[in-house]
Structures are given as structure tokens and as C-alpha cells.
Amino acid sequence: MGSGGTFKIANYGGNWIFETGVTWRSPELELNDIGFMVNTDEVNYFFWGARRWTQPNNTFRRFQWNYNHWSRWDFSGRNLYRAVNTNAHVQWANFWSSGGGFTYENLDLSKNALRGGPLLRRPNGTAFNMYVNTDSRKRVQFGLNTCQAFGQSQIVRVQSYGMWVNLQPTNAMSVSLSPSFNRFQRDEQYVTQLDFEGEKRYINAEVDQQTFSLTARLNYNITPDLTVQYYGQPFISRGRYQNFNRTTDNPLGKTFEERFSVFEVISYDEESDQYLVDENDDRAFDYEFGNPDFNFIQFRSNLVLRWEYIPGSELFLVWSQGANAFEDPARGLARSITENLFGNNVRNTFLVKMTYRFLP
């Protein structure tokens, strides 16, 4: 039987605040029958400290600077991860707010990057994020945010852009829209694993994944006891793979060339949608694997009518709609989502829920 838990010490009062502690999950811990657990065999140490200024002045109403660092070990004592971060957040005198942060990862040894394979060194990396939000008291509010991350030698590149808009045309109605676009590129993304001449081959590739989503919400109070709520989100994610490689017998090497060997002889069979690899360059294909490219489209929405017919007792009428589609990965995001968002596989679900409160 395994064990897990968290121990921490913190101070949240005053201008100087902090939190530090340790979280652990032993190798034998198994909680998936009652929840979802990503990793075991790890001890995570964390520290967070901040200095805050809460007395308003002519420049800002509130300002806070934070410092963080983390480190992770397995139960054998091996250091698997280290990172430091600093960030700052301010609410200006005009009630706008903004902030940003910087993170540096100087060690990342992954136990799950190869899906049950050996420990793999991931490249050191840096990341920064920024955001700005307008006055939350106004009937029209909006915000912008971005995150940019880069791995050593550009092995990993992440770009994220988002915004949100809140509208309140009347006291009884509010509307919000939140579009976002993310681009994730990694030269060492896991694809699959197979056997070759009695040895395991871990196949990886350079992936370029682009994801777009738009979240829409509407709340309308027809009366204090009768409300309408709507939620909708179109979503599309497309990933394309190239420059396939295999993990070498030195997955902890310091350079990409030490950890991975790029296939020099590889062919794509369009009819079978398979990649064929000649690893030993003997003019005969040694193994094959499926094309991992994907283009997934999804739409989810909920429309809810809520009526509190007597105090404490409610009636809900719900219409839920969902649709999934798979498109050619060679097609662009805009064309794919507009042509497949409301496809033939739309599923509609209608629900009725009623509660009654028995008063004493």
C-alpha cells in the first residue's frame, strides 16, 4: 500500500507572505479507482513568496511581486525537475490591471514522455507571459493575454494568444466571448513504440499542433425567478508530424543528437496511410507505423431555462448539443471548422430536472 500527502507552512498576513512545503506520492500509491492520478514515485518541493503593496496611491491601487521555485525527486533520490519563476501584478489607479511573469526550467527528466519507456531528458526552457484587463466595473470589459515558451536550441516552441470580452447591455443580461489560439511545436514528440530485432523502438517526430477555441456565454434574467443561460464552444485542433526519429540508447544525453537518431530512409505509403522505415539502410523496410497526423473538430453547447417556481424549489429545462468531426490534416483551421462545425453527427440531449424543498 502506498502513501501520499502534502505538508506545508504558510503566512498570508501582512505585506510579506509565503507558502512552502512538500507533496509526495509513493511508487505503490494507486488512486485511479476513485479519481485520476497522473504520476507516482515523486516528491515535490515548492516555495512561493510575495511582497504586496495594498495602500492606493496616484499610480496604482494594488501591486504584488511574487517569487517561486519548484523541485521534484523520485523515491530513489534522483532529481527530476527544477524551475524558478518570478511574476508581478498591478491594479492601476484607473482600475485597469496588468501583469506578467518569467519562468526558467533548468532540469526536466521525464518518466512518462516515452509512455512507459526509459527516463528521457527534456530540453531546458524559458517562458514568459503577459496580460492586461480593463476596468471590471464597466458595462464593456475586455482583456488580452499571451504566453511564449522556448526550449533549448528551439526544440520546443509554444505560442499562446487569448482575449475575452464581457458585455452587460442591461442589468439583467451579460454576454461574454473568449477566443484563444495556441501553437505547440516540439521536435521530440512521442508517436508510438514497436519491437525491432528484440529491442524496443520509441518513435518520435517534430509536431506542429495548432488549436483554436471560442467560448461564448449568455445569462439573462427574465425575472428574478426565471433565467436563461447559454454556453457554447467550437474547438479545433490540428497536428502534423514530420522529421521522424527514434530514441537512442542514451535518452539522458545533453544534446538532441545524443538522445535521438533521425531516420534517413523513410517513406510514406498514401494508400495504407503508413510510414515505412529502413533503419539499417539495407534497402528493405524494417518496420512501419501509422500516420499520426490529426485534425479534430468539436462543438459543445448547453441552453438552460431555470425557474424557481416557489422559494427554494426549482425546475430546469436543458438542451445540450454536441458534434465531433475529423478532417483532413492538410486543410487549414478556418476552412475545416467552418465546413464541419455542424456536421451530420450532431447529438441532441434534452433533460428535465425538478426539485422541491419541503419547508419545516
Protein backbone atom coordinates (compact mmCIF):
# COMPACT_ATOMS: atom_id res chain seq x y z
CA MET A 1 0.00 0.00 0.00
CA GLY A 2 1.35 3.39 -0.97
CA SER A 3 1.10 6.77 0.66
CA GLY A 4 0.66 10.35 -0.42
CA GLY A 5 0.10 13.71 1.12
CA THR A 6 1.07 17.35 1.46
CA PHE A 7 2.78 19.23 4.26
CA LYS A 8 3.12 22.98 4.08
CA ILE A 9 3.84 26.07 6.15
CA ALA A 10 2.42 29.44 5.15
CA ASN A 11 1.85 33.01 6.23
CA TYR A 12 -0.86 35.02 4.47
CA GLY A 13 -0.94 38.08 6.72
CA GLY A 14 0.96 41.33 6.32
CA ASN A 15 2.89 42.68 3.38
CA TRP A 16 5.34 39.75 3.18
CA ILE A 17 3.59 36.44 2.58
CA PHE A 18 4.84 32.97 1.68
CA GLU A 19 3.98 29.30 1.34
CA THR A 20 6.39 26.37 1.27
CA GLY A 21 6.03 22.64 1.61
CA VAL A 22 6.32 19.21 0.08
CA THR A 23 3.90 16.87 -1.70
CA TRP A 24 4.67 13.18 -2.13
CA ARG A 25 3.20 10.12 -3.84
CA SER A 26 4.95 6.81 -3.19
CA PRO A 27 5.56 4.29 -6.02
CA GLU A 28 2.87 1.94 -4.64
CA LEU A 29 0.13 4.57 -4.42
CA GLU A 30 -2.93 3.71 -6.56
CA LEU A 31 -5.91 6.07 -6.59
CA ASN A 32 -7.28 5.64 -10.09
CA ASP A 33 -10.27 3.66 -8.81
CA ILE A 34 -11.55 6.78 -7.05
CA GLY A 35 -10.06 9.54 -9.20
CA PHE A 36 -7.36 10.40 -11.72
CA MET A 37 -3.67 10.37 -10.82
CA VAL A 38 -1.00 11.38 -13.33
CA ASN A 39 2.22 10.34 -11.61
CA THR A 40 3.55 8.43 -8.63
CA ASP A 41 7.08 7.89 -7.28
CA GLU A 42 7.71 11.58 -6.77
CA VAL A 43 8.44 14.10 -4.06
CA ASN A 44 7.66 17.71 -4.98
CA TYR A 45 9.13 20.61 -3.03
CA PHE A 46 7.71 24.11 -3.59
CA PHE A 47 8.22 27.64 -2.34
CA TRP A 48 6.22 30.77 -3.04
CA GLY A 49 6.90 34.20 -1.58
CA ALA A 50 5.48 37.62 -2.30
CA ARG A 51 5.71 41.27 -1.34
CA ARG A 52 2.48 43.20 -1.73
CA TRP A 53 1.57 46.88 -1.57
CA THR A 54 -2.12 47.45 -0.81
CA GLN A 55 -2.18 51.16 0.00
CA PRO A 56 -3.51 53.05 -3.06
CA ASN A 57 -1.55 55.99 -4.46
CA ASN A 58 -1.63 58.13 -7.58
CA THR A 59 -0.14 55.34 -9.73
CA PHE A 60 -1.69 52.08 -8.59
CA ARG A 61 -4.29 50.71 -6.19
CA ARG A 62 -2.51 47.42 -5.56
CA PHE A 63 0.81 45.87 -6.53
CA GLN A 64 2.28 42.43 -5.84
CA TRP A 65 5.60 40.81 -6.75
CA ASN A 66 5.98 37.01 -6.47
CA TYR A 67 8.90 34.60 -6.50
CA ASN A 68 8.52 30.81 -6.90
CA HIS A 69 10.72 27.76 -7.25
CA TRP A 70 9.99 24.05 -7.52
CA SER A 71 11.97 20.84 -7.50
CA ARG A 72 10.99 17.19 -7.86
CA TRP A 73 12.70 13.91 -6.95
CA ASP A 74 11.74 10.27 -7.22
CA PHE A 75 11.92 7.95 -4.20
CA SER A 76 15.43 6.81 -5.19
CA GLY A 77 16.63 10.38 -4.61
CA ARG A 78 17.12 11.33 -8.26
CA ASN A 79 16.40 14.99 -9.02
CA LEU A 80 13.91 15.05 -11.93
CA TYR A 81 12.84 18.67 -12.25
CA ARG A 82 13.88 22.20 -11.28
CA ALA A 83 12.35 25.56 -12.18
CA VAL A 84 12.22 29.14 -10.93
CA ASN A 85 9.68 31.85 -11.67
CA THR A 86 9.02 35.48 -10.92
CA ASN A 87 5.88 37.46 -11.73
CA ALA A 88 4.22 40.76 -10.88
CA HIS A 89 0.62 42.02 -10.91
CA VAL A 90 -0.77 45.53 -10.57
CA GLN A 91 -4.16 47.19 -10.44
CA TRP A 92 -3.70 50.73 -11.71
CA ALA A 93 -5.36 53.89 -10.43
CA ASN A 94 -7.89 53.76 -13.31
CA PHE A 95 -8.90 50.20 -12.23
CA TRP A 96 -7.20 48.54 -15.20
CA SER A 97 -4.92 45.63 -14.30
CA SER A 98 -1.88 44.05 -15.90
CA GLY A 99 0.92 41.66 -15.12
CA GLY A 100 3.46 39.22 -16.40
CA GLY A 101 5.97 36.61 -15.43
CA PHE A 102 9.13 34.77 -16.43
CA THR A 103 9.98 31.08 -15.85
CA TYR A 104 13.22 29.18 -16.32
CA GLU A 105 13.35 25.37 -16.28
CA ASN A 106 16.90 24.12 -15.78
CA LEU A 107 16.16 20.39 -15.40
CA ASP A 108 13.41 18.14 -16.76
CA LEU A 109 13.82 14.36 -16.70
CA SER A 110 10.51 12.84 -17.76
CA LYS A 111 9.31 9.38 -16.71
CA ASN A 112 6.22 9.43 -18.95
CA ALA A 113 7.45 11.15 -22.14
CA LEU A 114 8.08 7.72 -23.72
CA ARG A 115 4.88 6.15 -22.35
CA GLY A 116 6.46 3.52 -20.13
CA GLY A 117 9.90 3.72 -21.71
CA PRO A 118 13.15 4.89 -20.13
CA LEU A 119 13.75 8.21 -18.44
CA LEU A 120 14.08 10.96 -21.07
CA ARG A 121 15.81 14.32 -20.75
CA ARG A 122 13.69 17.19 -21.95
CA PRO A 123 15.43 20.45 -23.00
CA ASN A 124 15.87 23.32 -20.58
CA GLY A 125 13.46 26.11 -21.38
CA THR A 126 12.25 29.63 -20.73
CA ALA A 127 8.75 31.09 -20.82
CA PHE A 128 7.12 34.45 -20.27
CA ASN A 129 3.53 35.59 -20.06
CA MET A 130 1.74 38.94 -20.04
CA TYR A 131 -1.85 40.14 -19.68
CA VAL A 132 -3.89 43.34 -19.47
CA ASN A 133 -7.53 43.73 -18.33
CA THR A 134 -9.79 46.77 -18.41
CA ASP A 135 -11.93 48.19 -15.60
CA SER A 136 -14.17 45.38 -14.28
CA ARG A 137 -16.81 47.90 -13.14
CA LYS A 138 -17.73 48.92 -16.70
CA ARG A 139 -20.50 47.52 -18.85
CA VAL A 140 -17.92 46.74 -21.54
CA GLN A 141 -14.78 44.92 -20.37
CA PHE A 142 -12.03 43.14 -22.24
CA GLY A 143 -8.63 41.58 -21.69
CA LEU A 144 -5.65 40.30 -23.67
CA ASN A 145 -3.06 37.68 -22.72
CA THR A 146 -0.15 35.80 -24.26
CA CYS A 147 2.39 33.16 -23.30
CA GLN A 148 5.60 32.39 -25.18
CA ALA A 149 7.90 29.46 -24.35
CA PHE A 150 11.10 28.16 -25.92
CA GLY A 151 13.17 25.05 -25.28
CA GLN A 152 16.92 24.84 -25.61
CA SER A 153 18.04 25.02 -29.27
CA GLN A 154 14.39 25.72 -30.22
CA ILE A 155 13.49 22.05 -29.64
CA VAL A 156 10.21 23.27 -28.14
CA ARG A 157 8.25 26.37 -29.21
CA VAL A 158 4.94 27.40 -27.66
CA GLN A 159 2.81 30.40 -28.61
CA SER A 160 -0.49 31.19 -26.92
CA TYR A 161 -2.79 34.15 -27.53
CA GLY A 162 -6.13 34.84 -25.90
CA MET A 163 -8.65 37.55 -25.25
CA TRP A 164 -12.00 37.96 -23.55
CA VAL A 165 -14.87 40.42 -23.87
CA ASN A 166 -17.69 40.89 -21.36
CA LEU A 167 -20.76 42.91 -22.28
CA GLN A 168 -23.60 43.89 -19.96
CA PRO A 169 -26.12 45.81 -22.10
CA THR A 170 -28.69 45.77 -19.27
CA ASN A 171 -28.66 44.87 -15.60
CA ALA A 172 -30.46 41.64 -16.45
CA MET A 173 -28.19 40.46 -19.28
CA SER A 174 -24.50 39.64 -19.66
CA VAL A 175 -22.63 38.24 -22.67
CA SER A 176 -19.03 37.02 -22.82
CA LEU A 177 -16.76 35.83 -25.64
CA SER A 178 -13.32 34.25 -25.10
CA PRO A 179 -11.37 33.23 -28.24
CA SER A 180 -7.91 31.67 -27.96
CA PHE A 181 -5.23 30.35 -30.32
CA ASN A 182 -2.33 28.10 -29.35
CA ARG A 183 0.56 26.76 -31.39
CA PHE A 184 2.72 23.98 -29.96
CA GLN A 185 5.86 22.75 -31.74
CA ARG A 186 8.19 20.05 -30.43
CA ASP A 187 10.96 18.19 -32.27
CA GLU A 188 10.79 15.17 -29.96
CA GLN A 189 7.07 14.43 -29.62
CA TYR A 190 6.28 10.78 -28.85
CA VAL A 191 4.45 8.94 -31.65
CA THR A 192 4.48 5.20 -30.92
CA GLN A 193 6.64 2.25 -29.86
CA LEU A 194 7.32 -1.11 -31.50
CA ASP A 195 9.75 -4.05 -31.45
CA PHE A 196 12.67 -4.48 -33.85
CA GLU A 197 15.21 -7.30 -33.62
CA GLY A 198 14.37 -7.97 -30.00
CA GLU A 199 14.69 -4.32 -28.96
CA LYS A 200 12.11 -1.66 -28.26
CA ARG A 201 11.93 1.29 -30.62
CA TYR A 202 10.45 4.57 -29.35
CA ILE A 203 9.36 6.64 -32.34
CA ASN A 204 9.18 10.42 -32.09
CA ALA A 205 8.76 13.29 -34.53
CA GLU A 206 8.57 17.03 -34.97
CA VAL A 207 4.97 18.06 -34.35
CA ASP A 208 3.22 21.30 -35.24
CA GLN A 209 -0.10 21.47 -33.40
CA GLN A 210 -2.46 24.41 -33.77
CA THR A 211 -5.56 24.79 -31.62
CA PHE A 212 -8.38 27.34 -31.76
CA SER A 213 -11.38 27.64 -29.48
CA LEU A 214 -14.11 30.19 -28.81
CA THR A 215 -16.18 30.13 -25.62
CA ALA A 216 -19.47 32.04 -25.58
CA ARG A 217 -21.72 32.58 -22.55
CA LEU A 218 -25.02 34.39 -22.13
CA ASN A 219 -27.00 34.98 -18.93
CA TYR A 220 -30.41 36.65 -18.96
CA ASN A 221 -32.73 37.19 -16.01
CA ILE A 222 -36.24 37.41 -17.45
CA THR A 223 -37.49 37.85 -13.89
CA PRO A 224 -35.67 37.31 -10.58
CA ASP A 225 -37.10 33.77 -10.58
CA LEU A 226 -36.78 32.91 -14.31
CA THR A 227 -33.38 32.86 -16.01
CA VAL A 228 -31.87 31.67 -19.30
CA GLN A 229 -28.24 30.57 -19.59
CA TYR A 230 -26.32 29.57 -22.71
CA TYR A 231 -22.83 28.10 -23.14
CA GLY A 232 -21.22 27.22 -26.47
CA GLN A 233 -17.70 26.31 -27.56
CA PRO A 234 -16.42 25.44 -31.04
CA PHE A 235 -12.98 23.80 -30.85
CA ILE A 236 -10.47 22.60 -33.42
CA SER A 237 -7.00 21.11 -33.01
CA ARG A 238 -4.76 20.06 -35.90
CA GLY A 239 -1.42 18.30 -35.56
CA ARG A 240 1.04 17.47 -38.34
CA TYR A 241 4.21 15.39 -37.94
CA GLN A 242 7.48 15.31 -39.85
CA ASN A 243 11.21 14.54 -39.38
CA PHE A 244 10.61 11.23 -37.60
CA ASN A 245 13.28 9.87 -35.29
CA ARG A 246 13.87 7.17 -32.70
CA THR A 247 15.19 7.42 -29.17
CA THR A 248 18.79 6.23 -28.88
CA ASP A 249 20.29 4.17 -26.06
CA ASN A 250 21.33 7.46 -24.43
CA PRO A 251 17.98 9.14 -23.62
CA LEU A 252 19.65 11.27 -20.93
CA GLY A 253 22.17 12.81 -23.32
CA LYS A 254 22.71 16.54 -23.11
CA THR A 255 22.05 17.25 -26.80
CA PHE A 256 19.23 16.37 -29.18
CA GLU A 257 21.67 14.38 -31.37
CA GLU A 258 22.67 12.24 -28.39
CA ARG A 259 19.07 11.44 -27.44
CA PHE A 260 17.55 10.93 -30.90
CA SER A 261 18.51 9.47 -34.25
CA VAL A 262 16.65 10.95 -37.23
CA PHE A 263 15.52 8.40 -39.84
CA GLU A 264 17.40 8.83 -43.09
CA VAL A 265 15.38 6.29 -45.10
CA ILE A 266 11.65 6.63 -44.52
CA SER A 267 8.73 6.52 -46.96
CA TYR A 268 5.04 7.29 -46.70
CA ASP A 269 2.51 4.88 -48.25
CA GLU A 270 -0.54 7.00 -49.02
CA GLU A 271 -2.77 4.00 -49.75
CA SER A 272 -2.22 2.37 -46.35
CA ASP A 273 -1.55 5.66 -44.54
CA GLN A 274 1.62 4.13 -43.07
CA TYR A 275 5.23 5.24 -42.71
CA LEU A 276 7.85 2.63 -43.74
CA VAL A 277 11.31 2.74 -42.15
CA ASP A 278 14.58 1.22 -43.36
CA GLU A 279 16.63 1.61 -40.20
CA ASN A 280 19.76 -0.32 -41.20
CA ASP A 281 19.87 1.02 -44.78
CA ASP A 282 19.74 -2.44 -46.41
CA ARG A 283 17.11 -1.36 -48.99
CA ALA A 284 14.40 -3.32 -47.18
CA PHE A 285 11.86 -1.76 -44.86
CA ASP A 286 12.30 -2.97 -41.29
CA TYR A 287 9.05 -1.75 -39.71
CA GLU A 288 6.09 0.56 -40.22
CA PHE A 289 3.76 2.72 -38.17
CA GLY A 290 0.59 4.68 -38.76
CA ASN A 291 0.38 8.30 -39.81
CA PRO A 292 -0.15 10.28 -36.58
CA ASP A 293 -1.48 13.46 -38.25
CA PHE A 294 -4.89 14.58 -36.95
CA ASN A 295 -7.48 17.31 -37.38
CA PHE A 296 -10.19 17.13 -34.71
CA ILE A 297 -13.25 19.41 -34.60
CA GLN A 298 -15.76 19.59 -31.74
CA PHE A 299 -18.75 21.69 -30.79
CA ARG A 300 -20.46 21.70 -27.39
CA SER A 301 -23.39 23.82 -26.21
CA ASN A 302 -25.90 23.97 -23.38
CA LEU A 303 -29.11 26.00 -23.12
CA VAL A 304 -30.68 26.05 -19.65
CA LEU A 305 -34.00 27.51 -18.55
CA ARG A 306 -34.23 27.80 -14.75
CA TRP A 307 -37.48 28.61 -12.94
CA GLU A 308 -37.68 28.98 -9.17
CA TYR A 309 -41.42 28.37 -9.00
CA ILE A 310 -41.52 28.68 -5.20
CA PRO A 311 -38.69 29.80 -2.90
CA GLY A 312 -36.06 27.05 -2.71
CA SER A 313 -37.72 24.84 -5.36
CA GLU A 314 -36.56 24.87 -8.98
CA LEU A 315 -37.35 23.50 -12.43
CA PHE A 316 -34.57 23.12 -15.04
CA LEU A 317 -35.11 22.54 -18.77
CA VAL A 318 -31.82 21.70 -20.52
CA TRP A 319 -30.94 21.34 -24.20
CA SER A 320 -27.43 20.00 -24.75
CA GLN A 321 -25.90 19.71 -28.21
CA GLY A 322 -22.62 18.14 -29.27
CA ALA A 323 -20.83 17.28 -32.51
CA ASN A 324 -17.44 15.77 -33.38
CA ALA A 325 -15.70 15.55 -36.74
CA PHE A 326 -12.34 14.52 -38.19
CA GLU A 327 -10.99 16.45 -41.16
CA ASP A 328 -8.02 16.14 -43.48
CA PRO A 329 -4.96 17.39 -41.52
CA ALA A 330 -3.71 19.10 -44.68
CA ARG A 331 -6.61 21.55 -44.59
CA GLY A 332 -6.40 24.83 -42.71
CA LEU A 333 -8.08 25.51 -39.39
CA ALA A 334 -10.57 28.10 -40.67
CA ARG A 335 -11.82 26.01 -43.57
CA SER A 336 -12.01 22.82 -41.51
CA ILE A 337 -14.05 24.31 -38.67
CA THR A 338 -16.49 26.27 -40.86
CA GLU A 339 -17.30 23.24 -43.03
CA ASN A 340 -17.56 20.67 -40.23
CA LEU A 341 -18.78 22.52 -37.14
CA PHE A 342 -22.40 21.42 -37.60
CA GLY A 343 -21.91 18.08 -39.33
CA ASN A 344 -24.27 15.15 -39.72
CA ASN A 345 -23.28 13.60 -36.39
CA VAL A 346 -24.88 16.25 -34.17
CA ARG A 347 -26.26 14.77 -30.95
CA ASN A 348 -29.08 16.50 -29.07
CA THR A 349 -29.91 15.75 -25.45
CA PHE A 350 -32.92 17.09 -23.56
CA LEU A 351 -33.08 16.96 -19.79
CA VAL A 352 -35.67 17.94 -17.18
CA LYS A 353 -34.79 18.37 -13.53
CA MET A 354 -37.16 19.37 -10.77
CA THR A 355 -36.51 19.97 -7.09
CA TYR A 356 -38.94 20.64 -4.31
CA ARG A 357 -38.00 21.99 -0.91
CA PHE A 358 -40.10 20.80 2.00
CA LEU A 359 -40.35 23.70 4.41
CA PRO A 360 -40.34 22.91 8.14
